[in-house]
Amino acid sequence: MKRIELLGVPVDVCRPEELESEFMKILEKPGVKQVVFLSVWDLIKARNKKKDFCKCLEGADLILPVSKSILGGAKFLKMEDIPVRYNPFDVTIQFLSVVDQHYRTLFLLGGRKRTLQQAERNVHETFPNVRIVGRYVGYFPKESEDDVVTAIHKASPSLAIVSEGIKEKNLWAFHRKDRFSSSVFLFYNDCLGIFSKRIKRVSEKTFERGHEIWHEIFHNPFKLFYVFPFIYYIISLLWCRLFNKKSENVKETQENSTEESTESAGSPIGAGDESDGGTPSGENGAGTSAEPLSGGSNVGKSESDDEEIDSVVHEPKKEQKKSFKAFKNPKIDDSDDLELE
């Protein structure tokens, strides 16, 4: 796994075959951990370095992109490592499978009472080895927050799924991480609704095409106004690409000037293969300009000798240039879906 930055926002490049092992490493780590599903709207929000969400991403253990626009942005900027896009539901099922295989514990937070109870039953039926050590409804009053935090702290679940009804979303666990012992927090808004069959999840075809936004707009028409932050995202990508090209050209010019100065300083002609007393030694000594012995003509020199001397003098310089140039360029399977009844 590798962490890159897109428009200054951290994003993890995690291949599907690495996902399970990476999650196991996170489970084994001490302290409070966090997995974040990053949408393009979250990425735009995280560009503000003064906001807590940016700090939340910097401290997150795993950041998985869920928007097709994030991959498109990375390709547009011609980045070497392109992230892999994940469906939040499939990843959640895969994480629950890992918890089930290793007999770990789970805490469910969010949703209404009936939704939460039905989701708990279905999770227990599908993953019998998962021990659900606690649950608490969402939309709770502020006075009940201490009870929720205390319940999670005492239960110390391996995985805590935070769903609808929590206003702060990913920031809820981030702002209270000092009050928990050791858990992995995962916020997925529709998780409990899908588990309880109250919400129909987006189809695989719709998700692969990147059209899940229309599903969201259908349920919340005000999300049509997302077009304005998306335009800002496009402009930011264009600006970043132009700015990076300019900086790369400046950097290349500086490298070329550095090469030339290094070549002139380390040139065999400038140094002159002179031994003690400043007298030339070896074949390169013939390359120094010497006064003719008599009559202003070179005695015993033919044209072939001149060519040979010239090649001896200039060949090291060519090889040195080459050496500098060489140094410069040195599905998630649907069979794992939760079988809800």
C-alpha atoms as a PDB file:
ATOM      1  CA  MET A   1       0.000   0.000   0.000  1.00  0.00           C
ATOM      2  CA  LYS A   2       1.163   3.500  -0.833  1.00  0.00           C
ATOM      3  CA  ARG A   3      -0.193   6.884   0.232  1.00  0.00           C
ATOM      4  CA  ILE A   4      -0.290   9.637  -2.378  1.00  0.00           C
ATOM      5  CA  GLU A   5      -1.601  13.196  -2.379  1.00  0.00           C
ATOM      6  CA  LEU A   6      -4.231  14.434  -4.823  1.00  0.00           C
ATOM      7  CA  LEU A   7      -4.597  18.225  -4.721  1.00  0.00           C
ATOM      8  CA  GLY A   8      -2.845  18.095  -1.361  1.00  0.00           C
ATOM      9  CA  VAL A   9      -5.280  15.535   0.104  1.00  0.00           C
ATOM     10  CA  PRO A  10      -3.976  12.102   1.177  1.00  0.00           C
ATOM     11  CA  VAL A  11      -5.369   9.057  -0.649  1.00  0.00           C
ATOM     12  CA  ASP A  12      -4.256   5.432  -0.236  1.00  0.00           C
ATOM     13  CA  VAL A  13      -3.372   3.247  -3.208  1.00  0.00           C
ATOM     14  CA  CYS A  14      -4.437  -0.175  -1.916  1.00  0.00           C
ATOM     15  CA  ARG A  15      -4.857  -3.072  -4.335  1.00  0.00           C
ATOM     16  CA  PRO A  16      -7.785  -5.470  -3.795  1.00  0.00           C
ATOM     17  CA  GLU A  17      -5.433  -8.339  -2.979  1.00  0.00           C
ATOM     18  CA  GLU A  18      -3.806  -6.211  -0.248  1.00  0.00           C
ATOM     19  CA  LEU A  19      -7.000  -4.962   1.388  1.00  0.00           C
ATOM     20  CA  GLU A  20      -7.570  -7.864   3.775  1.00  0.00           C
ATOM     21  CA  SER A  21      -3.978  -7.981   4.984  1.00  0.00           C
ATOM     22  CA  GLU A  22      -3.918  -4.209   5.461  1.00  0.00           C
ATOM     23  CA  PHE A  23      -7.081  -4.381   7.552  1.00  0.00           C
ATOM     24  CA  MET A  24      -5.553  -7.122   9.686  1.00  0.00           C
ATOM     25  CA  LYS A  25      -2.493  -4.930  10.294  1.00  0.00           C
ATOM     26  CA  ILE A  26      -4.783  -2.101  11.379  1.00  0.00           C
ATOM     27  CA  LEU A  27      -6.643  -4.431  13.749  1.00  0.00           C
ATOM     28  CA  GLU A  28      -3.381  -5.507  15.363  1.00  0.00           C
ATOM     29  CA  LYS A  29      -2.181  -1.950  15.931  1.00  0.00           C
ATOM     30  CA  PRO A  30      -2.748  -0.530  19.415  1.00  0.00           C
ATOM     31  CA  GLY A  31      -4.852   2.553  20.025  1.00  0.00           C
ATOM     32  CA  VAL A  32      -7.733   4.107  18.119  1.00  0.00           C
ATOM     33  CA  LYS A  33      -7.672   3.578  14.338  1.00  0.00           C
ATOM     34  CA  GLN A  34      -9.869   4.922  11.582  1.00  0.00           C
ATOM     35  CA  VAL A  35     -10.873   3.839   8.072  1.00  0.00           C
ATOM     36  CA  VAL A  36     -12.316   6.539   5.799  1.00  0.00           C
ATOM     37  CA  PHE A  37     -14.356   6.183   2.627  1.00  0.00           C
ATOM     38  CA  LEU A  38     -13.309   9.266   0.651  1.00  0.00           C
ATOM     39  CA  SER A  39     -15.744  10.810  -1.842  1.00  0.00           C
ATOM     40  CA  VAL A  40     -14.881  13.659  -4.172  1.00  0.00           C
ATOM     41  CA  TRP A  41     -16.956  15.977  -1.955  1.00  0.00           C
ATOM     42  CA  ASP A  42     -14.876  14.934   1.057  1.00  0.00           C
ATOM     43  CA  LEU A  43     -11.704  15.567  -0.943  1.00  0.00           C
ATOM     44  CA  ILE A  44     -12.837  19.102  -1.785  1.00  0.00           C
ATOM     45  CA  LYS A  45     -13.655  19.735   1.872  1.00  0.00           C
ATOM     46  CA  ALA A  46     -10.283  18.364   3.009  1.00  0.00           C
ATOM     47  CA  ARG A  47      -8.387  20.868   0.837  1.00  0.00           C
ATOM     48  CA  ASN A  48      -8.909  23.409   3.594  1.00  0.00           C
ATOM     49  CA  LYS A  49      -5.923  22.685   5.828  1.00  0.00           C
ATOM     50  CA  LYS A  50      -7.425  24.606   8.728  1.00  0.00           C
ATOM     51  CA  LYS A  51     -10.431  22.306   8.998  1.00  0.00           C
ATOM     52  CA  ASP A  52     -10.479  19.274  11.291  1.00  0.00           C
ATOM     53  CA  PHE A  53     -11.412  16.948   8.429  1.00  0.00           C
ATOM     54  CA  CYS A  54      -8.009  17.498   6.840  1.00  0.00           C
ATOM     55  CA  LYS A  55      -6.338  16.534  10.127  1.00  0.00           C
ATOM     56  CA  CYS A  56      -8.674  13.541  10.363  1.00  0.00           C
ATOM     57  CA  LEU A  57      -7.482  12.254   6.973  1.00  0.00           C
ATOM     58  CA  GLU A  58      -3.836  12.826   7.850  1.00  0.00           C
ATOM     59  CA  GLY A  59      -4.253  10.653  10.936  1.00  0.00           C
ATOM     60  CA  ALA A  60      -6.437   7.985   9.295  1.00  0.00           C
ATOM     61  CA  ASP A  61      -4.978   4.495   8.910  1.00  0.00           C
ATOM     62  CA  LEU A  62      -6.739   3.707   5.644  1.00  0.00           C
ATOM     63  CA  ILE A  63      -8.293   6.112   3.098  1.00  0.00           C
ATOM     64  CA  LEU A  64     -10.231   4.389   0.332  1.00  0.00           C
ATOM     65  CA  PRO A  65     -11.621   6.436  -2.594  1.00  0.00           C
ATOM     66  CA  VAL A  66     -15.236   5.729  -3.500  1.00  0.00           C
ATOM     67  CA  SER A  67     -15.762   8.347  -6.259  1.00  0.00           C
ATOM     68  CA  LYS A  68     -14.831   7.781  -9.885  1.00  0.00           C
ATOM     69  CA  SER A  69     -13.869  11.456 -10.142  1.00  0.00           C
ATOM     70  CA  ILE A  70     -10.936  10.881  -7.785  1.00  0.00           C
ATOM     71  CA  LEU A  71      -9.449   8.268 -10.114  1.00  0.00           C
ATOM     72  CA  GLY A  72     -10.117  10.547 -13.085  1.00  0.00           C
ATOM     73  CA  GLY A  73      -8.311  13.387 -11.326  1.00  0.00           C
ATOM     74  CA  ALA A  74      -5.262  11.224 -10.622  1.00  0.00           C
ATOM     75  CA  LYS A  75      -5.144  10.124 -14.274  1.00  0.00           C
ATOM     76  CA  PHE A  76      -5.580  13.709 -15.498  1.00  0.00           C
ATOM     77  CA  LEU A  77      -2.595  14.810 -13.409  1.00  0.00           C
ATOM     78  CA  LYS A  78      -0.627  11.853 -14.857  1.00  0.00           C
ATOM     79  CA  MET A  79       0.281  10.485 -11.447  1.00  0.00           C
ATOM     80  CA  GLU A  80       2.423   7.355 -11.340  1.00  0.00           C
ATOM     81  CA  ASP A  81       0.195   5.548  -8.816  1.00  0.00           C
ATOM     82  CA  ILE A  82      -3.539   5.547  -9.583  1.00  0.00           C
ATOM     83  CA  PRO A  83      -5.803   4.668  -6.619  1.00  0.00           C
ATOM     84  CA  VAL A  84      -8.287   1.808  -6.715  1.00  0.00           C
ATOM     85  CA  ARG A  85     -11.953   2.682  -6.287  1.00  0.00           C
ATOM     86  CA  TYR A  86     -14.000   0.673  -3.797  1.00  0.00           C
ATOM     87  CA  ASN A  87     -17.683   0.145  -3.157  1.00  0.00           C
ATOM     88  CA  PRO A  88     -18.268   0.963   0.548  1.00  0.00           C
ATOM     89  CA  PHE A  89     -20.779  -1.867   0.975  1.00  0.00           C
ATOM     90  CA  ASP A  90     -18.424  -4.501  -0.464  1.00  0.00           C
ATOM     91  CA  VAL A  91     -15.540  -3.289   1.691  1.00  0.00           C
ATOM     92  CA  THR A  92     -17.719  -3.357   4.813  1.00  0.00           C
ATOM     93  CA  ILE A  93     -18.751  -6.941   4.057  1.00  0.00           C
ATOM     94  CA  GLN A  94     -15.103  -7.896   3.533  1.00  0.00           C
ATOM     95  CA  PHE A  95     -14.115  -6.307   6.838  1.00  0.00           C
ATOM     96  CA  LEU A  96     -16.923  -8.153   8.629  1.00  0.00           C
ATOM     97  CA  SER A  97     -15.698 -11.402   7.042  1.00  0.00           C
ATOM     98  CA  VAL A  98     -12.239 -10.786   8.513  1.00  0.00           C
ATOM     99  CA  VAL A  99     -13.777 -10.059  11.915  1.00  0.00           C
ATOM    100  CA  ASP A 100     -15.838 -13.240  11.602  1.00  0.00           C
ATOM    101  CA  GLN A 101     -12.855 -15.415  10.624  1.00  0.00           C
ATOM    102  CA  HIS A 102     -10.775 -14.216  13.566  1.00  0.00           C
ATOM    103  CA  TYR A 103     -13.595 -14.212  16.141  1.00  0.00           C
ATOM    104  CA  ARG A 104     -13.334 -10.484  16.759  1.00  0.00           C
ATOM    105  CA  THR A 105     -15.915  -8.121  18.264  1.00  0.00           C
ATOM    106  CA  LEU A 106     -18.256  -5.515  16.752  1.00  0.00           C
ATOM    107  CA  PHE A 107     -20.124  -2.427  17.956  1.00  0.00           C
ATOM    108  CA  LEU A 108     -23.006  -0.892  15.985  1.00  0.00           C
ATOM    109  CA  LEU A 109     -23.776   2.810  16.335  1.00  0.00           C
ATOM    110  CA  GLY A 110     -26.515   4.688  14.485  1.00  0.00           C
ATOM    111  CA  GLY A 111     -29.950   4.323  12.955  1.00  0.00           C
ATOM    112  CA  ARG A 112     -33.348   4.200  14.591  1.00  0.00           C
ATOM    113  CA  LYS A 113     -34.206   1.538  17.152  1.00  0.00           C
ATOM    114  CA  ARG A 114     -36.059  -0.808  14.781  1.00  0.00           C
ATOM    115  CA  THR A 115     -33.421  -0.416  12.064  1.00  0.00           C
ATOM    116  CA  LEU A 116     -30.623  -1.124  14.505  1.00  0.00           C
ATOM    117  CA  GLN A 117     -32.289  -4.238  15.938  1.00  0.00           C
ATOM    118  CA  GLN A 118     -33.018  -5.708  12.506  1.00  0.00           C
ATOM    119  CA  ALA A 119     -29.478  -4.954  11.310  1.00  0.00           C
ATOM    120  CA  GLU A 120     -28.029  -6.667  14.383  1.00  0.00           C
ATOM    121  CA  ARG A 121     -30.080  -9.813  13.766  1.00  0.00           C
ATOM    122  CA  ASN A 122     -29.071 -10.028  10.117  1.00  0.00           C
ATOM    123  CA  VAL A 123     -25.390  -9.466  10.869  1.00  0.00           C
ATOM    124  CA  HIS A 124     -25.482 -12.171  13.534  1.00  0.00           C
ATOM    125  CA  GLU A 125     -27.137 -14.633  11.138  1.00  0.00           C
ATOM    126  CA  THR A 126     -24.698 -13.949   8.309  1.00  0.00           C
ATOM    127  CA  PHE A 127     -21.549 -13.759  10.467  1.00  0.00           C
ATOM    128  CA  PRO A 128     -22.145 -16.121  13.393  1.00  0.00           C
ATOM    129  CA  ASN A 129     -18.590 -15.838  14.753  1.00  0.00           C
ATOM    130  CA  VAL A 130     -18.798 -12.067  15.137  1.00  0.00           C
ATOM    131  CA  ARG A 131     -19.486 -11.115  18.741  1.00  0.00           C
ATOM    132  CA  ILE A 132     -21.637  -7.982  18.857  1.00  0.00           C
ATOM    133  CA  VAL A 133     -20.571  -6.452  22.171  1.00  0.00           C
ATOM    134  CA  GLY A 134     -22.845  -3.430  22.015  1.00  0.00           C
ATOM    135  CA  ARG A 135     -25.162  -1.205  20.024  1.00  0.00           C
ATOM    136  CA  TYR A 136     -26.566   2.268  20.387  1.00  0.00           C
ATOM    137  CA  VAL A 137     -29.118   4.188  18.324  1.00  0.00           C
ATOM    138  CA  GLY A 138     -28.279   7.327  16.389  1.00  0.00           C
ATOM    139  CA  TYR A 139     -29.986  10.720  16.633  1.00  0.00           C
ATOM    140  CA  PHE A 140     -29.353  10.635  20.379  1.00  0.00           C
ATOM    141  CA  PRO A 141     -29.491  13.873  22.404  1.00  0.00           C
ATOM    142  CA  LYS A 142     -26.296  15.592  23.448  1.00  0.00           C
ATOM    143  CA  GLU A 143     -26.894  14.610  27.064  1.00  0.00           C
ATOM    144  CA  SER A 144     -26.559  10.919  26.111  1.00  0.00           C
ATOM    145  CA  GLU A 145     -23.194  11.294  24.414  1.00  0.00           C
ATOM    146  CA  ASP A 146     -21.194  10.414  27.531  1.00  0.00           C
ATOM    147  CA  ASP A 147     -23.157   7.174  27.852  1.00  0.00           C
ATOM    148  CA  VAL A 148     -22.372   6.249  24.241  1.00  0.00           C
ATOM    149  CA  VAL A 149     -18.660   6.982  24.640  1.00  0.00           C
ATOM    150  CA  THR A 150     -18.524   5.053  27.911  1.00  0.00           C
ATOM    151  CA  ALA A 151     -20.279   2.052  26.340  1.00  0.00           C
ATOM    152  CA  ILE A 152     -17.780   1.905  23.464  1.00  0.00           C
ATOM    153  CA  HIS A 153     -14.827   2.419  25.801  1.00  0.00           C
ATOM    154  CA  LYS A 154     -15.879  -0.444  28.076  1.00  0.00           C
ATOM    155  CA  ALA A 155     -16.719  -2.795  25.211  1.00  0.00           C
ATOM    156  CA  SER A 156     -13.440  -2.045  23.333  1.00  0.00           C
ATOM    157  CA  PRO A 157     -14.721  -3.593  20.082  1.00  0.00           C
ATOM    158  CA  SER A 158     -12.344  -4.617  17.319  1.00  0.00           C
ATOM    159  CA  LEU A 159     -14.544  -2.808  14.799  1.00  0.00           C
ATOM    160  CA  ALA A 160     -17.068  -0.038  15.448  1.00  0.00           C
ATOM    161  CA  ILE A 161     -19.417   0.767  12.548  1.00  0.00           C
ATOM    162  CA  VAL A 162     -20.838   4.296  12.703  1.00  0.00           C
ATOM    163  CA  SER A 163     -23.889   4.897  10.547  1.00  0.00           C
ATOM    164  CA  GLU A 164     -26.781   7.339  10.037  1.00  0.00           C
ATOM    165  CA  GLY A 165     -27.849   9.611  12.835  1.00  0.00           C
ATOM    166  CA  ILE A 166     -24.329  10.798  13.726  1.00  0.00           C
ATOM    167  CA  LYS A 167     -24.006  14.425  12.587  1.00  0.00           C
ATOM    168  CA  GLU A 168     -20.209  14.633  12.711  1.00  0.00           C
ATOM    169  CA  LYS A 169     -19.808  11.506  10.581  1.00  0.00           C
ATOM    170  CA  ASN A 170     -16.069  10.671  10.320  1.00  0.00           C
ATOM    171  CA  LEU A 171     -15.197  13.462  12.736  1.00  0.00           C
ATOM    172  CA  TRP A 172     -17.240  11.934  15.570  1.00  0.00           C
ATOM    173  CA  ALA A 173     -14.606   9.315  16.380  1.00  0.00           C
ATOM    174  CA  PHE A 174     -11.750  11.709  15.534  1.00  0.00           C
ATOM    175  CA  HIS A 175     -12.866  14.316  18.072  1.00  0.00           C
ATOM    176  CA  ARG A 176     -13.235  11.685  20.797  1.00  0.00           C
ATOM    177  CA  LYS A 177     -10.319   9.371  20.042  1.00  0.00           C
ATOM    178  CA  ASP A 178      -8.673  10.181  23.388  1.00  0.00           C
ATOM    179  CA  ARG A 179     -11.699   8.753  25.194  1.00  0.00           C
ATOM    180  CA  PHE A 180     -11.554   5.320  23.550  1.00  0.00           C
ATOM    181  CA  SER A 181      -9.149   2.466  24.265  1.00  0.00           C
ATOM    182  CA  SER A 182      -8.522   0.437  21.108  1.00  0.00           C
ATOM    183  CA  SER A 183     -10.940   0.122  18.192  1.00  0.00           C
ATOM    184  CA  VAL A 184     -11.191   0.584  14.429  1.00  0.00           C
ATOM    185  CA  PHE A 185     -13.854   3.149  13.545  1.00  0.00           C
ATOM    186  CA  LEU A 186     -15.588   3.008  10.179  1.00  0.00           C
ATOM    187  CA  PHE A 187     -18.252   5.504   9.112  1.00  0.00           C
ATOM    188  CA  TYR A 188     -20.659   4.318   6.413  1.00  0.00           C
ATOM    189  CA  ASN A 189     -23.906   6.266   6.397  1.00  0.00           C
ATOM    190  CA  ASP A 190     -26.158   3.690   4.677  1.00  0.00           C
ATOM    191  CA  CYS A 191     -24.675   0.608   6.338  1.00  0.00           C
ATOM    192  CA  LEU A 192     -27.344  -0.181   8.941  1.00  0.00           C
ATOM    193  CA  GLY A 193     -30.144   0.863   6.596  1.00  0.00           C
ATOM    194  CA  ILE A 194     -28.948  -1.659   3.996  1.00  0.00           C
ATOM    195  CA  PHE A 195     -28.402  -4.371   6.597  1.00  0.00           C
ATOM    196  CA  SER A 196     -31.964  -3.916   7.845  1.00  0.00           C
ATOM    197  CA  LYS A 197     -33.384  -3.895   4.286  1.00  0.00           C
ATOM    198  CA  ARG A 198     -34.749  -0.393   4.823  1.00  0.00           C
ATOM    199  CA  ILE A 199     -32.456   1.095   2.174  1.00  0.00           C
ATOM    200  CA  LYS A 200     -31.777  -0.434  -1.224  1.00  0.00           C
ATOM    201  CA  ARG A 201     -28.108  -0.256  -2.063  1.00  0.00           C
ATOM    202  CA  VAL A 202     -26.790   1.057  -5.360  1.00  0.00           C
ATOM    203  CA  SER A 203     -26.457  -1.635  -8.036  1.00  0.00           C
ATOM    204  CA  GLU A 204     -23.029  -2.743  -9.212  1.00  0.00           C
ATOM    205  CA  LYS A 205     -23.619  -1.416 -12.740  1.00  0.00           C
ATOM    206  CA  THR A 206     -24.600   2.017 -11.481  1.00  0.00           C
ATOM    207  CA  PHE A 207     -21.578   2.156  -9.199  1.00  0.00           C
ATOM    208  CA  GLU A 208     -19.124   1.033 -11.877  1.00  0.00           C
ATOM    209  CA  ARG A 209     -20.377   3.746 -14.223  1.00  0.00           C
ATOM    210  CA  GLY A 210     -20.029   6.365 -11.479  1.00  0.00           C
ATOM    211  CA  HIS A 211     -23.726   7.305 -11.583  1.00  0.00           C
ATOM    212  CA  GLU A 212     -24.469   6.784  -7.906  1.00  0.00           C
ATOM    213  CA  ILE A 213     -24.854  10.561  -7.501  1.00  0.00           C
ATOM    214  CA  TRP A 214     -28.214  10.358  -9.318  1.00  0.00           C
ATOM    215  CA  HIS A 215     -29.388   7.858  -6.722  1.00  0.00           C
ATOM    216  CA  GLU A 216     -28.446  10.383  -4.027  1.00  0.00           C
ATOM    217  CA  ILE A 217     -30.105  13.282  -5.865  1.00  0.00           C
ATOM    218  CA  PHE A 218     -33.303  11.240  -6.197  1.00  0.00           C
ATOM    219  CA  HIS A 219     -33.488  10.943  -2.413  1.00  0.00           C
ATOM    220  CA  ASN A 220     -32.214  14.477  -1.755  1.00  0.00           C
ATOM    221  CA  PRO A 221     -32.799  16.957  -4.630  1.00  0.00           C
ATOM    222  CA  PHE A 222     -30.722  19.638  -2.879  1.00  0.00           C
ATOM    223  CA  LYS A 223     -27.632  17.658  -3.858  1.00  0.00           C
ATOM    224  CA  LEU A 224     -28.036  19.145  -7.341  1.00  0.00           C
ATOM    225  CA  PHE A 225     -26.071  22.074  -5.940  1.00  0.00           C
ATOM    226  CA  TYR A 226     -23.045  19.755  -5.735  1.00  0.00           C
ATOM    227  CA  VAL A 227     -22.390  20.862  -9.317  1.00  0.00           C
ATOM    228  CA  PHE A 228     -20.708  24.035  -8.003  1.00  0.00           C
ATOM    229  CA  PRO A 229     -18.070  22.316  -5.834  1.00  0.00           C
ATOM    230  CA  PHE A 230     -17.522  19.868  -8.695  1.00  0.00           C
ATOM    231  CA  ILE A 231     -16.721  22.773 -11.044  1.00  0.00           C
ATOM    232  CA  TYR A 232     -14.266  23.996  -8.419  1.00  0.00           C
ATOM    233  CA  TYR A 233     -12.698  20.519  -8.406  1.00  0.00           C
ATOM    234  CA  ILE A 234     -12.256  20.581 -12.210  1.00  0.00           C
ATOM    235  CA  ILE A 235     -10.691  24.049 -12.114  1.00  0.00           C
ATOM    236  CA  SER A 236      -8.330  22.940  -9.324  1.00  0.00           C
ATOM    237  CA  LEU A 237      -7.181  19.983 -11.423  1.00  0.00           C
ATOM    238  CA  LEU A 238      -6.546  22.216 -14.439  1.00  0.00           C
ATOM    239  CA  TRP A 239      -4.618  24.717 -12.347  1.00  0.00           C
ATOM    240  CA  CYS A 240      -2.575  21.988 -10.675  1.00  0.00           C
ATOM    241  CA  ARG A 241      -1.647  20.432 -14.013  1.00  0.00           C
ATOM    242  CA  LEU A 242      -0.543  23.756 -15.507  1.00  0.00           C
ATOM    243  CA  PHE A 243       1.360  24.724 -12.380  1.00  0.00           C
ATOM    244  CA  ASN A 244       3.106  21.344 -12.158  1.00  0.00           C
ATOM    245  CA  LYS A 245       4.179  21.556 -15.807  1.00  0.00           C
ATOM    246  CA  LYS A 246       5.673  24.986 -15.215  1.00  0.00           C
ATOM    247  CA  SER A 247       7.504  23.862 -12.086  1.00  0.00           C
ATOM    248  CA  GLU A 248       8.810  20.758 -13.893  1.00  0.00           C
ATOM    249  CA  ASN A 249      10.223  22.926 -16.699  1.00  0.00           C
ATOM    250  CA  VAL A 250      11.936  25.208 -14.185  1.00  0.00           C
ATOM    251  CA  LYS A 251      13.320  22.184 -12.352  1.00  0.00           C
ATOM    252  CA  GLU A 252      14.619  20.685 -15.603  1.00  0.00           C
ATOM    253  CA  THR A 253      16.367  23.962 -16.513  1.00  0.00           C
ATOM    254  CA  GLN A 254      18.009  24.075 -13.092  1.00  0.00           C
ATOM    255  CA  GLU A 255      19.183  20.476 -13.463  1.00  0.00           C
ATOM    256  CA  ASN A 256      20.659  21.197 -16.894  1.00  0.00           C
ATOM    257  CA  SER A 257      22.583  24.210 -15.581  1.00  0.00           C
ATOM    258  CA  THR A 258      23.831  22.089 -12.678  1.00  0.00           C
ATOM    259  CA  GLU A 259      25.030  19.427 -15.119  1.00  0.00           C
ATOM    260  CA  GLU A 260      26.910  21.969 -17.213  1.00  0.00           C
ATOM    261  CA  SER A 261      28.662  23.464 -14.194  1.00  0.00           C
ATOM    262  CA  THR A 262      29.563  19.985 -12.943  1.00  0.00           C
ATOM    263  CA  GLU A 263      30.912  18.999 -16.345  1.00  0.00           C
ATOM    264  CA  SER A 264      33.072  22.115 -16.637  1.00  0.00           C
ATOM    265  CA  ALA A 265      34.417  21.630 -13.122  1.00  0.00           C
ATOM    266  CA  GLY A 266      35.191  17.938 -13.614  1.00  0.00           C
ATOM    267  CA  SER A 267      36.336  18.103 -17.254  1.00  0.00           C
ATOM    268  CA  PRO A 268      39.627  16.280 -17.985  1.00  0.00           C
ATOM    269  CA  ILE A 269      40.781  19.231 -20.126  1.00  0.00           C
ATOM    270  CA  GLY A 270      40.214  21.818 -17.416  1.00  0.00           C
ATOM    271  CA  ALA A 271      41.956  19.678 -14.839  1.00  0.00           C
ATOM    272  CA  GLY A 272      44.742  18.632 -17.168  1.00  0.00           C
ATOM    273  CA  ASP A 273      46.322  15.290 -16.375  1.00  0.00           C
ATOM    274  CA  GLU A 274      49.349  16.984 -14.967  1.00  0.00           C
ATOM    275  CA  SER A 275      51.663  15.244 -12.602  1.00  0.00           C
ATOM    276  CA  ASP A 276      54.185  16.770 -10.169  1.00  0.00           C
ATOM    277  CA  GLY A 277      55.553  20.103 -11.286  1.00  0.00           C
ATOM    278  CA  GLY A 278      52.671  20.762 -13.677  1.00  0.00           C
ATOM    279  CA  THR A 279      54.141  18.804 -16.570  1.00  0.00           C
ATOM    280  CA  PRO A 280      51.724  16.801 -18.719  1.00  0.00           C
ATOM    281  CA  SER A 281      51.882  13.042 -18.426  1.00  0.00           C
ATOM    282  CA  GLY A 282      50.381  10.218 -20.504  1.00  0.00           C
ATOM    283  CA  GLU A 283      48.529  10.594 -23.762  1.00  0.00           C
ATOM    284  CA  ASN A 284      46.374  13.516 -22.595  1.00  0.00           C
ATOM    285  CA  GLY A 285      49.564  15.574 -22.396  1.00  0.00           C
ATOM    286  CA  ALA A 286      49.636  15.699 -26.151  1.00  0.00           C
ATOM    287  CA  GLY A 287      46.345  17.601 -26.058  1.00  0.00           C
ATOM    288  CA  THR A 288      47.918  20.697 -24.425  1.00  0.00           C
ATOM    289  CA  SER A 289      48.809  23.554 -26.704  1.00  0.00           C
ATOM    290  CA  ALA A 290      52.637  23.567 -27.083  1.00  0.00           C
ATOM    291  CA  GLU A 291      54.823  25.947 -29.078  1.00  0.00           C
ATOM    292  CA  PRO A 292      56.236  24.464 -32.300  1.00  0.00           C
ATOM    293  CA  LEU A 293      59.896  23.492 -32.145  1.00  0.00           C
ATOM    294  CA  SER A 294      60.950  25.273 -35.267  1.00  0.00           C
ATOM    295  CA  GLY A 295      59.557  27.171 -38.248  1.00  0.00           C
ATOM    296  CA  GLY A 296      56.064  27.463 -36.664  1.00  0.00           C
ATOM    297  CA  SER A 297      55.116  23.980 -37.920  1.00  0.00           C
ATOM    298  CA  ASN A 298      54.464  20.788 -36.054  1.00  0.00           C
ATOM    299  CA  VAL A 299      57.274  18.338 -36.639  1.00  0.00           C
ATOM    300  CA  GLY A 300      56.419  14.672 -37.209  1.00  0.00           C
ATOM    301  CA  LYS A 301      52.630  15.207 -36.992  1.00  0.00           C
ATOM    302  CA  SER A 302      50.258  13.806 -39.534  1.00  0.00           C
ATOM    303  CA  GLU A 303      46.493  14.371 -39.959  1.00  0.00           C
ATOM    304  CA  SER A 304      45.732  10.937 -38.540  1.00  0.00           C
ATOM    305  CA  ASP A 305      47.650  11.848 -35.381  1.00  0.00           C
ATOM    306  CA  ASP A 306      45.557  14.998 -35.011  1.00  0.00           C
ATOM    307  CA  GLU A 307      42.334  13.007 -35.279  1.00  0.00           C
ATOM    308  CA  GLU A 308      43.570  10.498 -32.721  1.00  0.00           C
ATOM    309  CA  ILE A 309      44.539  13.218 -30.267  1.00  0.00           C
ATOM    310  CA  ASP A 310      41.224  14.993 -30.804  1.00  0.00           C
ATOM    311  CA  SER A 311      39.279  11.817 -30.027  1.00  0.00           C
ATOM    312  CA  VAL A 312      41.326  11.223 -26.876  1.00  0.00           C
ATOM    313  CA  VAL A 313      40.589  14.711 -25.642  1.00  0.00           C
ATOM    314  CA  HIS A 314      36.868  14.836 -26.373  1.00  0.00           C
ATOM    315  CA  GLU A 315      35.718  11.267 -25.696  1.00  0.00           C
ATOM    316  CA  PRO A 316      35.677  11.509 -21.868  1.00  0.00           C
ATOM    317  CA  LYS A 317      33.444  14.589 -22.078  1.00  0.00           C
ATOM    318  CA  LYS A 318      30.831  12.709 -24.136  1.00  0.00           C
ATOM    319  CA  GLU A 319      30.875   9.767 -21.763  1.00  0.00           C
ATOM    320  CA  GLN A 320      30.461  12.096 -18.825  1.00  0.00           C
ATOM    321  CA  LYS A 321      27.384  13.689 -20.405  1.00  0.00           C
ATOM    322  CA  LYS A 322      25.848  10.262 -20.935  1.00  0.00           C
ATOM    323  CA  SER A 323      26.434   9.319 -17.335  1.00  0.00           C
ATOM    324  CA  PHE A 324      24.637  12.446 -16.102  1.00  0.00           C
ATOM    325  CA  LYS A 325      21.681  11.785 -18.375  1.00  0.00           C
ATOM    326  CA  ALA A 326      21.457   8.213 -17.147  1.00  0.00           C
ATOM    327  CA  PHE A 327      21.492   9.416 -13.545  1.00  0.00           C
ATOM    328  CA  LYS A 328      18.797  11.970 -14.297  1.00  0.00           C
ATOM    329  CA  ASN A 329      16.378   9.442 -15.669  1.00  0.00           C
ATOM    330  CA  PRO A 330      17.090   6.991 -13.348  1.00  0.00           C
ATOM    331  CA  LYS A 331     -14.573  -7.295  -7.944  1.00  0.00           C
ATOM    332  CA  ILE A 332     -14.729  -7.755  -4.782  1.00  0.00           C
ATOM    333  CA  ASP A 333     -16.764 -10.928  -5.310  1.00  0.00           C
ATOM    334  CA  ASP A 334     -20.520 -10.421  -5.167  1.00  0.00           C
ATOM    335  CA  SER A 335     -20.841 -13.789  -3.495  1.00  0.00           C
ATOM    336  CA  ASP A 336     -19.742 -12.105  -0.264  1.00  0.00           C
ATOM    337  CA  ASP A 337     -22.807  -9.846  -0.226  1.00  0.00           C
ATOM    338  CA  LEU A 338     -24.816  -9.947   2.950  1.00  0.00           C
ATOM    339  CA  GLU A 339     -27.662 -12.375   2.618  1.00  0.00           C
ATOM    340  CA  LEU A 340     -30.436 -10.479   4.270  1.00  0.00           C
ATOM    341  CA  GLU A 341     -33.776 -12.030   4.888  1.00  0.00           C
END
